C-alpha atoms as a PDB file:
ATOM      1  CA  MET A   1     108.521  89.003 116.017  1.00  0.00           C
ATOM      2  CA  ASN A   2     104.888  88.733 116.781  1.00  0.00           C
ATOM      3  CA  ARG A   3     103.394  87.766 113.435  1.00  0.00           C
ATOM      4  CA  SER A   4      99.630  87.839 112.905  1.00  0.00           C
ATOM      5  CA  SER A   5      98.045  84.726 111.393  1.00  0.00           C
ATOM      6  CA  SER A   6      97.006  85.925 107.771  1.00  0.00           C
ATOM      7  CA  SER A   7      93.144  84.570 106.430  1.00  0.00           C
ATOM      8  CA  THR A   8      91.910  81.445 105.998  1.00  0.00           C
ATOM      9  CA  LYS A   9      91.879  82.474 102.104  1.00  0.00           C
ATOM     10  CA  ALA A  10      95.136  83.879 101.746  1.00  0.00           C
ATOM     11  CA  GLN A  11      96.449  80.372 103.704  1.00  0.00           C
ATOM     12  CA  SER A  12      94.518  77.983 101.133  1.00  0.00           C
ATOM     13  CA  ARG A  13      94.986  79.837  97.984  1.00  0.00           C
ATOM     14  CA  ILE A  14      97.154  78.177  95.520  1.00  0.00           C
ATOM     15  CA  VAL A  15      99.212  80.247  92.758  1.00  0.00           C
ATOM     16  CA  SER A  16      99.495  79.506  89.319  1.00  0.00           C
ATOM     17  CA  ILE A  17     103.093  80.203  88.210  1.00  0.00           C
ATOM     18  CA  GLU A  18     101.601  83.072  85.495  1.00  0.00           C
ATOM     19  CA  GLU A  19      99.632  84.698  88.532  1.00  0.00           C
ATOM     20  CA  ALA A  20     103.135  84.623  90.630  1.00  0.00           C
ATOM     21  CA  ASN A  21     104.773  86.388  87.722  1.00  0.00           C
ATOM     22  CA  ARG A  22     101.926  89.052  87.697  1.00  0.00           C
ATOM     23  CA  MET A  23     102.557  89.597  91.382  1.00  0.00           C
ATOM     24  CA  LEU A  24     106.355  90.387  91.068  1.00  0.00           C
ATOM     25  CA  PRO A  25     106.244  94.203  90.386  1.00  0.00           C
ATOM     26  CA  LEU A  26     104.466  94.595  93.574  1.00  0.00           C
ATOM     27  CA  LEU A  27     106.458  91.958  95.373  1.00  0.00           C
ATOM     28  CA  ALA A  28     110.117  93.850  94.271  1.00  0.00           C
ATOM     29  CA  ARG A  29     108.749  96.968  95.978  1.00  0.00           C
ATOM     30  CA  VAL A  30     107.564  95.461  98.947  1.00  0.00           C
ATOM     31  CA  VAL A  31     110.222  93.062  99.670  1.00  0.00           C
ATOM     32  CA  GLY A  32     112.659  95.673  98.697  1.00  0.00           C
ATOM     33  CA  ASP A  33     111.138  97.692 101.831  1.00  0.00           C
ATOM     34  CA  ILE A  34     111.406  94.006 104.146  1.00  0.00           C
ATOM     35  CA  VAL A  35     115.244  93.619 103.572  1.00  0.00           C
ATOM     36  CA  ARG A  36     116.101  97.206 104.042  1.00  0.00           C
ATOM     37  CA  VAL A  37     113.939  97.528 107.204  1.00  0.00           C
ATOM     38  CA  TRP A  38     114.857  94.147 108.748  1.00  0.00           C
ATOM     39  CA  ASP A  39     118.564  95.255 107.735  1.00  0.00           C
ATOM     40  CA  GLN A  40     117.673  98.404 110.038  1.00  0.00           C
ATOM     41  CA  ILE A  41     115.950  96.214 112.547  1.00  0.00           C
ATOM     42  CA  ILE A  42     119.579  93.797 112.771  1.00  0.00           C
ATOM     43  CA  LEU A  43     121.260  97.212 113.341  1.00  0.00           C
ATOM     44  CA  LYS A  44     119.399  98.639 116.282  1.00  0.00           C
ATOM     45  CA  ARG A  45     119.191  95.712 118.011  1.00  0.00           C
ATOM     46  CA  THR A  46     122.969  95.360 117.669  1.00  0.00           C
ATOM     47  CA  GLU A  47     123.519  99.141 119.205  1.00  0.00           C
ATOM     48  CA  LEU A  48     120.926  98.255 121.722  1.00  0.00           C
ATOM     49  CA  GLU A  49     122.520  94.888 122.855  1.00  0.00           C
ATOM     50  CA  CYS A  50     126.004  97.299 123.182  1.00  0.00           C
ATOM     51  CA  ILE A  51     124.666 100.176 124.784  1.00  0.00           C
ATOM     52  CA  GLU A  52     122.973  97.641 127.343  1.00  0.00           C
ATOM     53  CA  LYS A  53     126.475  95.659 127.699  1.00  0.00           C
ATOM     54  CA  ASN A  54     128.284  97.987 128.248  1.00  0.00           C
ATOM     55  CA  SER A  55     126.469 100.015 131.240  1.00  0.00           C
ATOM     56  CA  ASP A  56     126.666  99.397 134.611  1.00  0.00           C
ATOM     57  CA  ARG A  57     124.121  99.296 137.422  1.00  0.00           C
ATOM     58  CA  THR A  58     124.065 102.634 138.352  1.00  0.00           C
ATOM     59  CA  GLU A  59     123.439 104.101 134.701  1.00  0.00           C
ATOM     60  CA  SER A  60     122.129 108.193 134.311  1.00  0.00           C
ATOM     61  CA  ALA A  61     119.165 108.546 133.471  1.00  0.00           C
ATOM     62  CA  ASN A  62     120.205 110.284 130.099  1.00  0.00           C
ATOM     63  CA  ARG A  63     121.431 106.274 129.843  1.00  0.00           C
ATOM     64  CA  GLN A  64     118.278 105.162 130.388  1.00  0.00           C
ATOM     65  CA  ASP A  65     116.427 107.385 128.091  1.00  0.00           C
ATOM     66  CA  GLU A  66     118.598 106.353 125.275  1.00  0.00           C
ATOM     67  CA  VAL A  67     117.751 102.760 125.661  1.00  0.00           C
ATOM     68  CA  GLN A  68     114.548 103.312 125.897  1.00  0.00           C
ATOM     69  CA  GLU A  69     114.381 105.612 122.558  1.00  0.00           C
ATOM     70  CA  PHE A  70     116.342 102.585 121.177  1.00  0.00           C
ATOM     71  CA  LYS A  71     114.080  99.754 122.151  1.00  0.00           C
ATOM     72  CA  ASN A  72     111.298 102.074 121.029  1.00  0.00           C
ATOM     73  CA  GLU A  73     112.690 102.861 117.756  1.00  0.00           C
ATOM     74  CA  LEU A  74     112.993  98.759 117.606  1.00  0.00           C
ATOM     75  CA  ASN A  75     109.552  98.230 118.008  1.00  0.00           C
ATOM     76  CA  ARG A  76     108.990 100.926 115.296  1.00  0.00           C
ATOM     77  CA  LEU A  77     110.620  98.895 112.666  1.00  0.00           C
ATOM     78  CA  ILE A  78     109.155  95.564 113.731  1.00  0.00           C
ATOM     79  CA  ASP A  79     105.541  96.992 113.203  1.00  0.00           C
ATOM     80  CA  ARG A  80     106.620  98.090 110.138  1.00  0.00           C
ATOM     81  CA  ILE A  81     108.064  94.806 108.874  1.00  0.00           C
ATOM     82  CA  ASN A  82     105.036  92.911 110.118  1.00  0.00           C
ATOM     83  CA  GLY A  83     102.547  95.357 108.226  1.00  0.00           C
ATOM     84  CA  TYR A  84     104.645  94.317 104.770  1.00  0.00           C
ATOM     85  CA  ILE A  85     104.896  90.936 106.240  1.00  0.00           C
ATOM     86  CA  ARG A  86     101.267  91.021 105.875  1.00  0.00           C
ATOM     87  CA  GLU A  87     100.572  92.803 102.625  1.00  0.00           C
ATOM     88  CA  ILE A  88     102.953  89.916 100.782  1.00  0.00           C
ATOM     89  CA  GLU A  89     100.319  87.252 103.402  1.00  0.00           C
ATOM     90  CA  ASP A  90      97.280  88.955 101.556  1.00  0.00           C
ATOM     91  CA  LEU A  91      98.409  87.923  98.537  1.00  0.00           C
ATOM     92  CA  GLY A  92      98.711  84.847  99.019  1.00  0.00           C
ATOM     93  CA  CYS A  93     102.604  84.282  99.646  1.00  0.00           C
ATOM     94  CA  PHE A  94     104.960  84.257 102.157  1.00  0.00           C
ATOM     95  CA  VAL A  95     108.128  85.398 103.228  1.00  0.00           C
ATOM     96  CA  GLN A  96     111.042  82.651 103.715  1.00  0.00           C
ATOM     97  CA  GLU A  97     114.173  84.985 104.282  1.00  0.00           C
ATOM     98  CA  PHE A  98     114.150  88.934 105.278  1.00  0.00           C
ATOM     99  CA  LYS A  99     117.987  88.979 104.731  1.00  0.00           C
ATOM    100  CA  ARG A 100     117.558  88.084 100.658  1.00  0.00           C
ATOM    101  CA  GLY A 101     113.476  88.587 100.884  1.00  0.00           C
ATOM    102  CA  VAL A 102     112.933  85.128  99.258  1.00  0.00           C
ATOM    103  CA  ILE A 103     109.014  84.638  98.688  1.00  0.00           C
ATOM    104  CA  ASN A 104     106.840  81.501  98.392  1.00  0.00           C
ATOM    105  CA  PHE A 105     103.915  81.112  96.641  1.00  0.00           C
ATOM    106  CA  PRO A 106     102.143  78.105  97.424  1.00  0.00           C
ATOM    107  CA  SER A 107     101.109  75.835  94.449  1.00  0.00           C
ATOM    108  CA  LEU A 108     100.498  72.528  92.902  1.00  0.00           C
ATOM    109  CA  TYR A 109     103.396  70.105  91.314  1.00  0.00           C
ATOM    110  CA  VAL A 110     101.686  66.849  89.375  1.00  0.00           C
ATOM    111  CA  GLY A 111      99.430  67.288  92.417  1.00  0.00           C
ATOM    112  CA  ARG A 112     100.824  67.785  95.425  1.00  0.00           C
ATOM    113  CA  LYS A 113     101.406  71.318  97.442  1.00  0.00           C
ATOM    114  CA  VAL A 114     104.840  72.680  96.728  1.00  0.00           C
ATOM    115  CA  PHE A 115     106.350  76.276  96.981  1.00  0.00           C
ATOM    116  CA  LEU A 116     107.434  78.277  94.052  1.00  0.00           C
ATOM    117  CA  CYS A 117     110.174  80.779  95.038  1.00  0.00           C
ATOM    118  CA  TRP A 118     111.396  84.131  94.056  1.00  0.00           C
ATOM    119  CA  LYS A 119     113.786  86.455  94.929  1.00  0.00           C
ATOM    120  CA  PRO A 120     114.292  89.858  94.424  1.00  0.00           C
ATOM    121  CA  GLY A 121     117.669  90.000  91.024  1.00  0.00           C
ATOM    122  CA  ASP A 122     115.164  86.592  89.456  1.00  0.00           C
ATOM    123  CA  GLY A 123     113.436  88.185  86.324  1.00  0.00           C
ATOM    124  CA  GLU A 124     110.433  85.784  86.996  1.00  0.00           C
ATOM    125  CA  VAL A 125     109.604  82.649  88.661  1.00  0.00           C
ATOM    126  CA  ARG A 126     111.631  79.996  87.701  1.00  0.00           C
ATOM    127  CA  HIS A 127     112.323  77.556  90.210  1.00  0.00           C
ATOM    128  CA  TRP A 128     110.301  75.429  92.561  1.00  0.00           C
ATOM    129  CA  HIS A 129     110.818  73.334  96.282  1.00  0.00           C
ATOM    130  CA  GLU A 130     109.070  70.988  98.466  1.00  0.00           C
ATOM    131  CA  LEU A 131     106.958  72.483 101.637  1.00  0.00           C
ATOM    132  CA  ASP A 132     109.634  71.112 104.029  1.00  0.00           C
ATOM    133  CA  GLU A 133     112.483  72.710 101.970  1.00  0.00           C
ATOM    134  CA  SER A 134     114.079  75.710 101.173  1.00  0.00           C
ATOM    135  CA  TYR A 135     115.186  78.363  98.904  1.00  0.00           C
ATOM    136  CA  ASN A 136     118.725  76.525  98.523  1.00  0.00           C
ATOM    137  CA  GLU A 137     117.189  73.541  97.978  1.00  0.00           C
ATOM    138  CA  ARG A 138     115.162  74.874  95.013  1.00  0.00           C
ATOM    139  CA  THR A 139     114.834  73.134  91.715  1.00  0.00           C
ATOM    140  CA  PRO A 140     114.732  74.632  88.255  1.00  0.00           C
ATOM    141  CA  ILE A 141     110.700  74.520  86.559  1.00  0.00           C
ATOM    142  CA  ARG A 142     111.584  72.526  83.544  1.00  0.00           C
ATOM    143  CA  ASP A 143     107.827  72.069  82.242  1.00  0.00           C
ATOM    144  CA  TYR A 144     105.319  74.495  83.295  1.00  0.00           C
ATOM    145  CA  ARG A 145     102.510  72.230  82.302  1.00  0.00           C
ATOM    146  CA  ASP A 146     103.611  69.937  85.401  1.00  0.00           C
ATOM    147  CA  PHE A 147     101.926  72.727  87.933  1.00  0.00           C
ATOM    148  CA  PHE A 148      99.159  74.065  88.555  1.00  0.00           C
ATOM    149  CA  VAL A 149      97.192  76.127  85.998  1.00  0.00           C
ATOM    150  CA  ASN A 150      94.311  78.464  86.350  1.00  0.00           C
ATOM    151  CA  ARG A 151      91.961  77.190  83.589  1.00  0.00           C
ATOM    152  CA  LYS A 152      87.819  77.686  83.525  1.00  0.00           C
ATOM    153  CA  ASP A 153      87.415  73.827  83.960  1.00  0.00           C
ATOM    154  CA  SER A 154      89.573  71.553  80.668  1.00  0.00           C
ATOM    155  CA  ARG A 155      87.340  68.910  81.739  1.00  0.00           C
ATOM    156  CA  LEU A 156      84.174  70.736  80.357  1.00  0.00           C
ATOM    157  CA  LYS A 157      86.064  71.296  76.908  1.00  0.00           C
ATOM    158  CA  LYS A 158      87.220  67.692  76.156  1.00  0.00           C
ATOM    159  CA  GLN A 159      83.552  66.178  76.296  1.00  0.00           C
END
């Protein structure tokens, strides 16, 4: 997949649990589209491989047209999924897995960068994992206070 790089602002954004949960209604719709289009890409790619495998070198013009139409449709689907990925990245999130629609949110856990994570079916963001881990290695959020909280400036209030 040809993925365009997201903006520096989106790449450097830190998301609180509260912000992530507010994004879920929008993310659920976009991720639903990603999962649906990803399934179509896999199906189209499989069909194309079967056609190409079963054709001989002297294939007819009709067969070549059919192969080209499959390639064109596959490219349209890839463009569409790339658009959905950009939408998510513009929010400061990342698609970790297309098949299940897993989304990562950059956050801070006791001062270090981690990912909050969510997948369709989860009612809210309840897990996190290290930057080099996957959704399967996630850890339940035990204390929300350990994570970045978007405050004005709590140091000013203490003085």
